[in-house]
Amino acid sequence: LRIEMAQNVLRDKEVLAEATVELVTTDNTGKPKIIPEDLNVKLSSCI
């Protein structure tokens, strides 16, 4: 499971919000897919 996001999202809440929206995972076929909203919320609360 690979999560890609900019290193500098922490310094700007707007940038963080955009990065959270754009978070994707790569499934076992190698194609990106959108993270489910509940997982998105958990991730953004951990950042």
N, C-alpha and C. Protein backbone atom coordinates (compact mmCIF):
# COMPACT_ATOMS: atom_id res chain seq x y z
N LEU A 1 0.85 -1.19 0.00
CA LEU A 1 0.00 0.00 0.00
C LEU A 1 0.89 1.23 0.00
N ARG A 2 0.71 2.06 -1.01
CA ARG A 2 1.58 3.23 -1.14
C ARG A 2 0.74 4.49 -1.06
N ILE A 3 1.14 5.39 -0.16
CA ILE A 3 0.45 6.67 -0.03
C ILE A 3 1.41 7.76 -0.49
N GLU A 4 0.96 8.54 -1.46
CA GLU A 4 1.81 9.60 -1.99
C GLU A 4 1.25 10.94 -1.55
N MET A 5 2.11 11.77 -0.98
CA MET A 5 1.70 13.12 -0.62
C MET A 5 2.91 14.02 -0.51
N ALA A 6 2.70 15.31 -0.68
CA ALA A 6 3.80 16.26 -0.62
C ALA A 6 4.36 16.34 0.80
N GLN A 7 5.65 16.55 0.90
CA GLN A 7 6.30 16.65 2.21
C GLN A 7 5.87 17.90 2.96
N ASN A 8 5.50 18.94 2.25
CA ASN A 8 5.29 20.24 2.88
C ASN A 8 3.83 20.53 3.21
N VAL A 9 2.95 19.51 3.20
CA VAL A 9 1.54 19.77 3.46
C VAL A 9 1.29 20.26 4.88
N LEU A 10 2.19 19.93 5.80
CA LEU A 10 1.95 20.27 7.20
C LEU A 10 1.94 21.76 7.47
N ARG A 11 2.58 22.55 6.61
CA ARG A 11 2.73 23.97 6.92
C ARG A 11 1.55 24.81 6.45
N ASP A 12 0.60 24.20 5.76
CA ASP A 12 -0.53 24.97 5.25
C ASP A 12 -1.78 24.11 5.24
N LYS A 13 -2.78 24.51 6.00
CA LYS A 13 -3.99 23.68 6.12
C LYS A 13 -4.72 23.54 4.80
N GLU A 14 -4.70 24.58 3.96
CA GLU A 14 -5.34 24.46 2.65
C GLU A 14 -4.63 23.44 1.79
N VAL A 15 -3.30 23.48 1.81
CA VAL A 15 -2.52 22.50 1.06
C VAL A 15 -2.78 21.10 1.61
N LEU A 16 -2.86 20.99 2.92
CA LEU A 16 -3.16 19.70 3.55
C LEU A 16 -4.51 19.17 3.09
N ALA A 17 -5.50 20.04 3.05
CA ALA A 17 -6.83 19.62 2.62
C ALA A 17 -6.80 19.12 1.18
N GLU A 18 -6.09 19.84 0.31
CA GLU A 18 -5.98 19.41 -1.08
C GLU A 18 -5.27 18.07 -1.19
N ALA A 19 -4.19 17.91 -0.42
CA ALA A 19 -3.43 16.67 -0.46
C ALA A 19 -4.29 15.50 0.04
N THR A 20 -5.09 15.74 1.06
CA THR A 20 -5.96 14.70 1.59
C THR A 20 -6.97 14.26 0.54
N VAL A 21 -7.52 15.22 -0.18
CA VAL A 21 -8.48 14.90 -1.24
C VAL A 21 -7.82 14.07 -2.33
N GLU A 22 -6.56 14.37 -2.60
CA GLU A 22 -5.87 13.72 -3.71
C GLU A 22 -5.13 12.44 -3.34
N LEU A 23 -5.18 12.04 -2.07
CA LEU A 23 -4.54 10.79 -1.66
C LEU A 23 -5.10 9.60 -2.45
N VAL A 24 -4.21 8.78 -2.93
CA VAL A 24 -4.63 7.56 -3.62
C VAL A 24 -3.83 6.38 -3.12
N THR A 25 -4.40 5.21 -3.25
CA THR A 25 -3.66 3.98 -2.96
C THR A 25 -3.44 3.25 -4.28
N THR A 26 -2.44 2.40 -4.31
CA THR A 26 -2.22 1.54 -5.48
C THR A 26 -2.62 0.13 -5.08
N ASP A 27 -3.62 -0.42 -5.78
CA ASP A 27 -4.06 -1.78 -5.45
C ASP A 27 -3.12 -2.80 -6.09
N ASN A 28 -3.44 -4.08 -5.95
CA ASN A 28 -2.52 -5.12 -6.40
C ASN A 28 -2.40 -5.21 -7.92
N THR A 29 -3.22 -4.49 -8.67
CA THR A 29 -3.08 -4.45 -10.12
C THR A 29 -2.19 -3.30 -10.55
N GLY A 30 -1.78 -2.47 -9.59
CA GLY A 30 -0.91 -1.35 -9.91
C GLY A 30 -1.65 -0.10 -10.32
N LYS A 31 -2.98 -0.19 -10.36
CA LYS A 31 -3.77 0.98 -10.75
C LYS A 31 -4.14 1.78 -9.51
N PRO A 32 -4.00 3.11 -9.56
CA PRO A 32 -4.37 3.93 -8.41
C PRO A 32 -5.88 3.90 -8.17
N LYS A 33 -6.26 3.95 -6.93
CA LYS A 33 -7.67 4.05 -6.59
C LYS A 33 -7.82 5.02 -5.42
N ILE A 34 -8.98 5.62 -5.32
CA ILE A 34 -9.21 6.62 -4.28
C ILE A 34 -9.37 5.92 -2.94
N ILE A 35 -8.76 6.47 -1.92
CA ILE A 35 -8.93 5.95 -0.56
C ILE A 35 -10.36 6.24 -0.10
N PRO A 36 -11.01 5.26 0.54
CA PRO A 36 -12.35 5.50 1.08
C PRO A 36 -12.38 6.69 2.03
N GLU A 37 -13.49 7.39 2.06
CA GLU A 37 -13.58 8.64 2.83
C GLU A 37 -13.27 8.44 4.31
N ASP A 38 -13.73 7.33 4.89
CA ASP A 38 -13.46 7.11 6.32
C ASP A 38 -11.96 6.95 6.59
N LEU A 39 -11.26 6.29 5.67
CA LEU A 39 -9.81 6.17 5.82
C LEU A 39 -9.13 7.52 5.61
N ASN A 40 -9.65 8.30 4.66
CA ASN A 40 -9.16 9.66 4.44
C ASN A 40 -9.22 10.48 5.72
N VAL A 41 -10.34 10.39 6.42
CA VAL A 41 -10.51 11.13 7.67
C VAL A 41 -9.50 10.67 8.71
N LYS A 42 -9.31 9.36 8.82
CA LYS A 42 -8.34 8.83 9.78
C LYS A 42 -6.93 9.31 9.45
N LEU A 43 -6.58 9.29 8.17
CA LEU A 43 -5.25 9.72 7.76
C LEU A 43 -5.03 11.19 8.07
N SER A 44 -6.01 12.02 7.73
CA SER A 44 -5.83 13.46 7.94
C SER A 44 -5.80 13.80 9.42
N SER A 45 -6.46 13.01 10.25
CA SER A 45 -6.41 13.27 11.69
C SER A 45 -5.07 12.84 12.29
N CYS A 46 -4.37 11.95 11.62
CA CYS A 46 -3.06 11.49 12.10
C CYS A 46 -1.94 12.43 11.67
N ILE A 47 -2.16 13.21 10.65
CA ILE A 47 -1.11 14.07 10.10
C ILE A 47 -0.87 15.26 11.00
